[in-house]
Amino acid sequence: MVEDNTDLRQAVKVYKALGEPTRLKIAMLLSAQSTLCCSDIGSKLESVAGSTLSHHLKQLTESGLLELRKDGTYIYYSVNREIAKKYAPYLLE
């Protein structure tokens, strides 16, 4: 039963993160583009301020849906395909 509770908590985090339209757009963008840095994501979304974008990326990363990789001063984000496949398979279509 503990494993089921863990899965349930993970599902809630993912769905809560994707419940906000901007975060859903970010997840869909990353699922199509593979890997992007924060500035590239911001330029593709256009209407999102940097601090707001940072908040959205943090929420998606904490939910487990996004993975990050640091390279110098840049942070690159990508969709965690395993989590997406389990909780949001439509992102991988």
Foldseek 3Di string as FASTA:
>chain_A
DVVVVVVVLLLVLQCVLCVDPLLVVLLLVQLVVFKDWLVVSCVVVVPADSVRSVVSVVSCVVSVQWDWDDDPPIIMIHGPVVSCVVRPVVSND
